[in-house]
Amino acid sequence: MIALAILLIPFTCGFSLLLLTVTQTSISGYIEVTVANAGRFHQTMFPVNSRGAFAEVMSRVAYARSVSF
């Protein structure tokens, strides 16, 4: 019985340490975009749920700027 306990303790500790290293990262929130020109002002918030969402929103803003001139 003692031998079984001696064999299981390192396995249990190692398994629990492995579970501590496995983490899940979640991204959520909003990106606020503000536009002001010639006395006009517009502000909006885009929902974000991934790392690529910031680049997507910035590309949309860049496109809107390019067609506004």
PDB file of N, CA and C in Angstrom:
ATOM      1  N   MET A   1       0.821  -1.198   0.000  1.00  0.00           N
ATOM      2  CA  MET A   1       0.000   0.000   0.000  1.00  0.00           C
ATOM      3  C   MET A   1       0.866   1.265   0.000  1.00  0.00           C
ATOM      4  N   ILE A   2       1.932   1.247   0.784  1.00  0.00           N
ATOM      5  CA  ILE A   2       2.828   2.403   0.837  1.00  0.00           C
ATOM      6  C   ILE A   2       3.543   2.570  -0.501  1.00  0.00           C
ATOM      7  N   ALA A   3       3.906   1.466  -1.109  1.00  0.00           N
ATOM      8  CA  ALA A   3       4.585   1.535  -2.410  1.00  0.00           C
ATOM      9  C   ALA A   3       3.663   2.153  -3.467  1.00  0.00           C
ATOM     10  N   LEU A   4       2.406   1.806  -3.406  1.00  0.00           N
ATOM     11  CA  LEU A   4       1.446   2.387  -4.353  1.00  0.00           C
ATOM     12  C   LEU A   4       1.319   3.897  -4.139  1.00  0.00           C
ATOM     13  N   ALA A   5       1.281   4.332  -2.880  1.00  0.00           N
ATOM     14  CA  ALA A   5       1.199   5.755  -2.568  1.00  0.00           C
ATOM     15  C   ALA A   5       2.450   6.485  -3.036  1.00  0.00           C
ATOM     16  N   ILE A   6       3.605   5.863  -2.874  1.00  0.00           N
ATOM     17  CA  ILE A   6       4.865   6.474  -3.304  1.00  0.00           C
ATOM     18  C   ILE A   6       4.896   6.600  -4.826  1.00  0.00           C
ATOM     19  N   LEU A   7       4.306   5.665  -5.531  1.00  0.00           N
ATOM     20  CA  LEU A   7       4.269   5.733  -6.989  1.00  0.00           C
ATOM     21  C   LEU A   7       3.249   6.758  -7.496  1.00  0.00           C
ATOM     22  N   LEU A   8       2.155   6.939  -6.811  1.00  0.00           N
ATOM     23  CA  LEU A   8       1.101   7.837  -7.272  1.00  0.00           C
ATOM     24  C   LEU A   8       1.353   9.308  -6.947  1.00  0.00           C
ATOM     25  N   ILE A   9       2.098   9.603  -5.898  1.00  0.00           N
ATOM     26  CA  ILE A   9       2.327  10.997  -5.513  1.00  0.00           C
ATOM     27  C   ILE A   9       3.065  11.770  -6.612  1.00  0.00           C
ATOM     28  N   PRO A  10       4.173  11.285  -7.170  1.00  0.00           N
ATOM     29  CA  PRO A  10       4.825  12.054  -8.246  1.00  0.00           C
ATOM     30  C   PRO A  10       3.934  12.206  -9.486  1.00  0.00           C
ATOM     31  N   PHE A  11       3.186  11.160  -9.820  1.00  0.00           N
ATOM     32  CA  PHE A  11       2.289  11.248 -10.971  1.00  0.00           C
ATOM     33  C   PHE A  11       1.217  12.308 -10.750  1.00  0.00           C
ATOM     34  N   THR A  12       0.639  12.333  -9.564  1.00  0.00           N
ATOM     35  CA  THR A  12      -0.416  13.301  -9.248  1.00  0.00           C
ATOM     36  C   THR A  12       0.135  14.723  -9.254  1.00  0.00           C
ATOM     37  N   CYS A  13       1.306  14.907  -8.663  1.00  0.00           N
ATOM     38  CA  CYS A  13       1.911  16.247  -8.644  1.00  0.00           C
ATOM     39  C   CYS A  13       2.289  16.694 -10.059  1.00  0.00           C
ATOM     40  N   GLY A  14       2.833  15.800 -10.842  1.00  0.00           N
ATOM     41  CA  GLY A  14       3.207  16.145 -12.214  1.00  0.00           C
ATOM     42  C   GLY A  14       2.001  16.474 -13.054  1.00  0.00           C
ATOM     43  N   PHE A  15       0.939  15.718 -12.894  1.00  0.00           N
ATOM     44  CA  PHE A  15      -0.282  15.974 -13.664  1.00  0.00           C
ATOM     45  C   PHE A  15      -0.896  17.314 -13.277  1.00  0.00           C
ATOM     46  N   SER A  16      -0.900  17.640 -11.988  1.00  0.00           N
ATOM     47  CA  SER A  16      -1.476  18.921 -11.561  1.00  0.00           C
ATOM     48  C   SER A  16      -0.621  20.089 -12.050  1.00  0.00           C
ATOM     49  N   LEU A  17       0.693  19.926 -12.100  1.00  0.00           N
ATOM     50  CA  LEU A  17       1.551  20.977 -12.642  1.00  0.00           C
ATOM     51  C   LEU A  17       1.316  21.148 -14.143  1.00  0.00           C
ATOM     52  N   LEU A  18       1.069  20.067 -14.831  1.00  0.00           N
ATOM     53  CA  LEU A  18       0.761  20.148 -16.257  1.00  0.00           C
ATOM     54  C   LEU A  18      -0.536  20.918 -16.483  1.00  0.00           C
ATOM     55  N   LEU A  19      -1.531  20.679 -15.669  1.00  0.00           N
ATOM     56  CA  LEU A  19      -2.793  21.395 -15.805  1.00  0.00           C
ATOM     57  C   LEU A  19      -2.644  22.879 -15.502  1.00  0.00           C
ATOM     58  N   LEU A  20      -1.714  23.243 -14.632  1.00  0.00           N
ATOM     59  CA  LEU A  20      -1.487  24.649 -14.336  1.00  0.00           C
ATOM     60  C   LEU A  20      -0.861  25.393 -15.513  1.00  0.00           C
ATOM     61  N   THR A  21      -0.094  24.694 -16.325  1.00  0.00           N
ATOM     62  CA  THR A  21       0.562  25.352 -17.455  1.00  0.00           C
ATOM     63  C   THR A  21      -0.367  25.531 -18.646  1.00  0.00           C
ATOM     64  N   VAL A  22      -1.438  24.781 -18.702  1.00  0.00           N
ATOM     65  CA  VAL A  22      -2.383  24.887 -19.811  1.00  0.00           C
ATOM     66  C   VAL A  22      -3.398  25.980 -19.462  1.00  0.00           C
ATOM     67  N   THR A  23      -3.348  27.076 -20.218  1.00  0.00           N
ATOM     68  CA  THR A  23      -4.292  28.166 -19.982  1.00  0.00           C
ATOM     69  C   THR A  23      -4.992  28.508 -21.287  1.00  0.00           C
ATOM     70  N   GLN A  24      -6.138  29.061 -21.162  1.00  0.00           N
ATOM     71  CA  GLN A  24      -6.909  29.476 -22.323  1.00  0.00           C
ATOM     72  C   GLN A  24      -7.031  30.997 -22.291  1.00  0.00           C
ATOM     73  N   THR A  25      -6.627  31.626 -23.354  1.00  0.00           N
ATOM     74  CA  THR A  25      -6.697  33.079 -23.443  1.00  0.00           C
ATOM     75  C   THR A  25      -7.955  33.463 -24.211  1.00  0.00           C
ATOM     76  N   SER A  26      -8.729  34.332 -23.616  1.00  0.00           N
ATOM     77  CA  SER A  26      -9.922  34.817 -24.308  1.00  0.00           C
ATOM     78  C   SER A  26      -9.802  36.329 -24.481  1.00  0.00           C
ATOM     79  N   ILE A  27     -10.216  36.793 -25.628  1.00  0.00           N
ATOM     80  CA  ILE A  27     -10.150  38.207 -25.950  1.00  0.00           C
ATOM     81  C   ILE A  27     -11.564  38.700 -26.188  1.00  0.00           C
ATOM     82  N   SER A  28     -11.909  39.758 -25.488  1.00  0.00           N
ATOM     83  CA  SER A  28     -13.226  40.360 -25.692  1.00  0.00           C
ATOM     84  C   SER A  28     -13.156  41.826 -25.299  1.00  0.00           C
ATOM     85  N   GLY A  29     -13.990  42.617 -25.905  1.00  0.00           N
ATOM     86  CA  GLY A  29     -14.017  44.038 -25.601  1.00  0.00           C
ATOM     87  C   GLY A  29     -14.477  44.840 -26.804  1.00  0.00           C
ATOM     88  N   TYR A  30     -14.101  46.122 -26.818  1.00  0.00           N
ATOM     89  CA  TYR A  30     -14.517  47.027 -27.877  1.00  0.00           C
ATOM     90  C   TYR A  30     -13.347  47.895 -28.310  1.00  0.00           C
ATOM     91  N   ILE A  31     -13.340  48.274 -29.574  1.00  0.00           N
ATOM     92  CA  ILE A  31     -12.404  49.252 -30.108  1.00  0.00           C
ATOM     93  C   ILE A  31     -13.204  50.511 -30.399  1.00  0.00           C
ATOM     94  N   GLU A  32     -12.761  51.614 -29.834  1.00  0.00           N
ATOM     95  CA  GLU A  32     -13.462  52.885 -30.020  1.00  0.00           C
ATOM     96  C   GLU A  32     -12.803  53.650 -31.161  1.00  0.00           C
ATOM     97  N   VAL A  33     -13.612  54.071 -32.114  1.00  0.00           N
ATOM     98  CA  VAL A  33     -13.133  54.848 -33.258  1.00  0.00           C
ATOM     99  C   VAL A  33     -13.837  56.203 -33.232  1.00  0.00           C
ATOM    100  N   THR A  34     -13.025  57.260 -33.293  1.00  0.00           N
ATOM    101  CA  THR A  34     -13.549  58.619 -33.268  1.00  0.00           C
ATOM    102  C   THR A  34     -13.087  59.358 -34.515  1.00  0.00           C
ATOM    103  N   VAL A  35     -14.008  60.046 -35.176  1.00  0.00           N
ATOM    104  CA  VAL A  35     -13.705  60.811 -36.381  1.00  0.00           C
ATOM    105  C   VAL A  35     -14.225  62.226 -36.181  1.00  0.00           C
ATOM    106  N   ALA A  36     -13.352  63.202 -36.476  1.00  0.00           N
ATOM    107  CA  ALA A  36     -13.756  64.603 -36.355  1.00  0.00           C
ATOM    108  C   ALA A  36     -13.200  65.373 -37.542  1.00  0.00           C
ATOM    109  N   ASN A  37     -14.057  66.237 -38.134  1.00  0.00           N
ATOM    110  CA  ASN A  37     -13.632  67.054 -39.256  1.00  0.00           C
ATOM    111  C   ASN A  37     -14.652  68.155 -39.475  1.00  0.00           C
ATOM    112  N   ALA A  38     -14.165  69.379 -39.669  1.00  0.00           N
ATOM    113  CA  ALA A  38     -15.004  70.530 -40.013  1.00  0.00           C
ATOM    114  C   ALA A  38     -16.195  70.691 -39.078  1.00  0.00           C
ATOM    115  N   GLY A  39     -15.959  70.591 -37.798  1.00  0.00           N
ATOM    116  CA  GLY A  39     -17.034  70.792 -36.834  1.00  0.00           C
ATOM    117  C   GLY A  39     -17.953  69.607 -36.642  1.00  0.00           C
ATOM    118  N   ARG A  40     -17.727  68.534 -37.355  1.00  0.00           N
ATOM    119  CA  ARG A  40     -18.549  67.326 -37.188  1.00  0.00           C
ATOM    120  C   ARG A  40     -17.758  66.294 -36.409  1.00  0.00           C
ATOM    121  N   PHE A  41     -18.486  65.478 -35.686  1.00  0.00           N
ATOM    122  CA  PHE A  41     -17.855  64.524 -34.788  1.00  0.00           C
ATOM    123  C   PHE A  41     -18.685  63.238 -34.777  1.00  0.00           C
ATOM    124  N   HIS A  42     -18.010  62.119 -34.931  1.00  0.00           N
ATOM    125  CA  HIS A  42     -18.698  60.825 -34.864  1.00  0.00           C
ATOM    126  C   HIS A  42     -17.829  59.856 -34.073  1.00  0.00           C
ATOM    127  N   GLN A  43     -18.477  59.103 -33.220  1.00  0.00           N
ATOM    128  CA  GLN A  43     -17.768  58.143 -32.385  1.00  0.00           C
ATOM    129  C   GLN A  43     -18.554  56.835 -32.378  1.00  0.00           C
ATOM    130  N   THR A  44     -17.852  55.719 -32.527  1.00  0.00           N
ATOM    131  CA  THR A  44     -18.513  54.416 -32.509  1.00  0.00           C
ATOM    132  C   THR A  44     -17.599  53.385 -31.862  1.00  0.00           C
ATOM    133  N   MET A  45     -18.174  52.274 -31.472  1.00  0.00           N
ATOM    134  CA  MET A  45     -17.411  51.198 -30.845  1.00  0.00           C
ATOM    135  C   MET A  45     -17.670  49.904 -31.601  1.00  0.00           C
ATOM    136  N   PHE A  46     -16.600  49.195 -31.941  1.00  0.00           N
ATOM    137  CA  PHE A  46     -16.690  47.919 -32.631  1.00  0.00           C
ATOM    138  C   PHE A  46     -16.397  46.790 -31.645  1.00  0.00           C
ATOM    139  N   PRO A  47     -17.216  45.746 -31.617  1.00  0.00           N
ATOM    140  CA  PRO A  47     -16.925  44.614 -30.726  1.00  0.00           C
ATOM    141  C   PRO A  47     -15.705  43.831 -31.219  1.00  0.00           C
ATOM    142  N   VAL A  48     -14.926  43.317 -30.271  1.00  0.00           N
ATOM    143  CA  VAL A  48     -13.712  42.572 -30.581  1.00  0.00           C
ATOM    144  C   VAL A  48     -13.793  41.202 -29.903  1.00  0.00           C
ATOM    145  N   ASN A  49     -13.486  40.153 -30.671  1.00  0.00           N
ATOM    146  CA  ASN A  49     -13.462  38.815 -30.080  1.00  0.00           C
ATOM    147  C   ASN A  49     -12.273  37.993 -30.559  1.00  0.00           C
ATOM    148  N   SER A  50     -11.308  38.639 -31.236  1.00  0.00           N
ATOM    149  CA  SER A  50     -10.104  37.931 -31.673  1.00  0.00           C
ATOM    150  C   SER A  50      -8.957  38.922 -31.817  1.00  0.00           C
ATOM    151  N   ARG A  51      -7.754  38.397 -31.949  1.00  0.00           N
ATOM    152  CA  ARG A  51      -6.574  39.257 -32.092  1.00  0.00           C
ATOM    153  C   ARG A  51      -6.576  39.994 -33.433  1.00  0.00           C
ATOM    154  N   GLY A  52      -7.134  39.399 -34.453  1.00  0.00           N
ATOM    155  CA  GLY A  52      -7.141  40.012 -35.767  1.00  0.00           C
ATOM    156  C   GLY A  52      -8.184  41.091 -35.941  1.00  0.00           C
ATOM    157  N   ALA A  53      -9.059  41.259 -34.979  1.00  0.00           N
ATOM    158  CA  ALA A  53     -10.144  42.232 -35.104  1.00  0.00           C
ATOM    159  C   ALA A  53      -9.617  43.660 -35.144  1.00  0.00           C
ATOM    160  N   PHE A  54      -8.539  43.959 -34.426  1.00  0.00           N
ATOM    161  CA  PHE A  54      -7.990  45.311 -34.426  1.00  0.00           C
ATOM    162  C   PHE A  54      -7.514  45.686 -35.830  1.00  0.00           C
ATOM    163  N   ALA A  55      -6.781  44.790 -36.471  1.00  0.00           N
ATOM    164  CA  ALA A  55      -6.303  45.058 -37.831  1.00  0.00           C
ATOM    165  C   ALA A  55      -7.470  45.211 -38.801  1.00  0.00           C
ATOM    166  N   GLU A  56      -8.498  44.421 -38.622  1.00  0.00           N
ATOM    167  CA  GLU A  56      -9.672  44.515 -39.495  1.00  0.00           C
ATOM    168  C   GLU A  56     -10.370  45.864 -39.343  1.00  0.00           C
ATOM    169  N   VAL A  57     -10.545  46.309 -38.112  1.00  0.00           N
ATOM    170  CA  VAL A  57     -11.191  47.600 -37.868  1.00  0.00           C
ATOM    171  C   VAL A  57     -10.335  48.729 -38.426  1.00  0.00           C
ATOM    172  N   MET A  58      -9.030  48.658 -38.224  1.00  0.00           N
ATOM    173  CA  MET A  58      -8.147  49.719 -38.733  1.00  0.00           C
ATOM    174  C   MET A  58      -8.136  49.752 -40.263  1.00  0.00           C
ATOM    175  N   SER A  59      -8.248  48.593 -40.897  1.00  0.00           N
ATOM    176  CA  SER A  59      -8.309  48.591 -42.366  1.00  0.00           C
ATOM    177  C   SER A  59      -9.625  49.192 -42.852  1.00  0.00           C
ATOM    178  N   ARG A  60     -10.706  48.967 -42.137  1.00  0.00           N
ATOM    179  CA  ARG A  60     -11.989  49.585 -42.498  1.00  0.00           C
ATOM    180  C   ARG A  60     -11.931  51.101 -42.337  1.00  0.00           C
ATOM    181  N   VAL A  61     -11.288  51.557 -41.265  1.00  0.00           N
ATOM    182  CA  VAL A  61     -11.141  52.999 -41.045  1.00  0.00           C
ATOM    183  C   VAL A  61     -10.282  53.604 -42.152  1.00  0.00           C
ATOM    184  N   ALA A  62      -9.198  52.934 -42.527  1.00  0.00           N
ATOM    185  CA  ALA A  62      -8.328  53.420 -43.597  1.00  0.00           C
ATOM    186  C   ALA A  62      -9.089  53.491 -44.915  1.00  0.00           C
ATOM    187  N   TYR A  63      -9.921  52.497 -45.181  1.00  0.00           N
ATOM    188  CA  TYR A  63     -10.717  52.506 -46.417  1.00  0.00           C
ATOM    189  C   TYR A  63     -11.702  53.680 -46.402  1.00  0.00           C
ATOM    190  N   ALA A  64     -12.348  53.906 -45.275  1.00  0.00           N
ATOM    191  CA  ALA A  64     -13.305  55.013 -45.180  1.00  0.00           C
ATOM    192  C   ALA A  64     -12.599  56.342 -45.385  1.00  0.00           C
ATOM    193  N   ARG A  65     -11.401  56.463 -44.860  1.00  0.00           N
ATOM    194  CA  ARG A  65     -10.626  57.702 -45.066  1.00  0.00           C
ATOM    195  C   ARG A  65     -10.255  57.872 -46.537  1.00  0.00           C
ATOM    196  N   SER A  66      -9.899  56.781 -47.195  1.00  0.00           N
ATOM    197  CA  SER A  66      -9.467  56.884 -48.595  1.00  0.00           C
ATOM    198  C   SER A  66     -10.606  57.284 -49.518  1.00  0.00           C
ATOM    199  N   VAL A  67     -11.817  56.861 -49.245  1.00  0.00           N
ATOM    200  CA  VAL A  67     -12.936  57.208 -50.131  1.00  0.00           C
ATOM    201  C   VAL A  67     -13.572  58.536 -49.746  1.00  0.00           C
ATOM    202  N   SER A  68     -13.208  59.109 -48.601  1.00  0.00           N
ATOM    203  CA  SER A  68     -13.826  60.359 -48.180  1.00  0.00           C
ATOM    204  C   SER A  68     -13.176  61.586 -48.796  1.00  0.00           C
ATOM    205  N   PHE A  69     -11.987  61.443 -49.351  1.00  0.00           N
ATOM    206  CA  PHE A  69     -11.284  62.610 -49.928  1.00  0.00           C
ATOM    207  C   PHE A  69     -11.611  62.799 -51.358  1.00  0.00           C
TER     208      PHE A  69
END
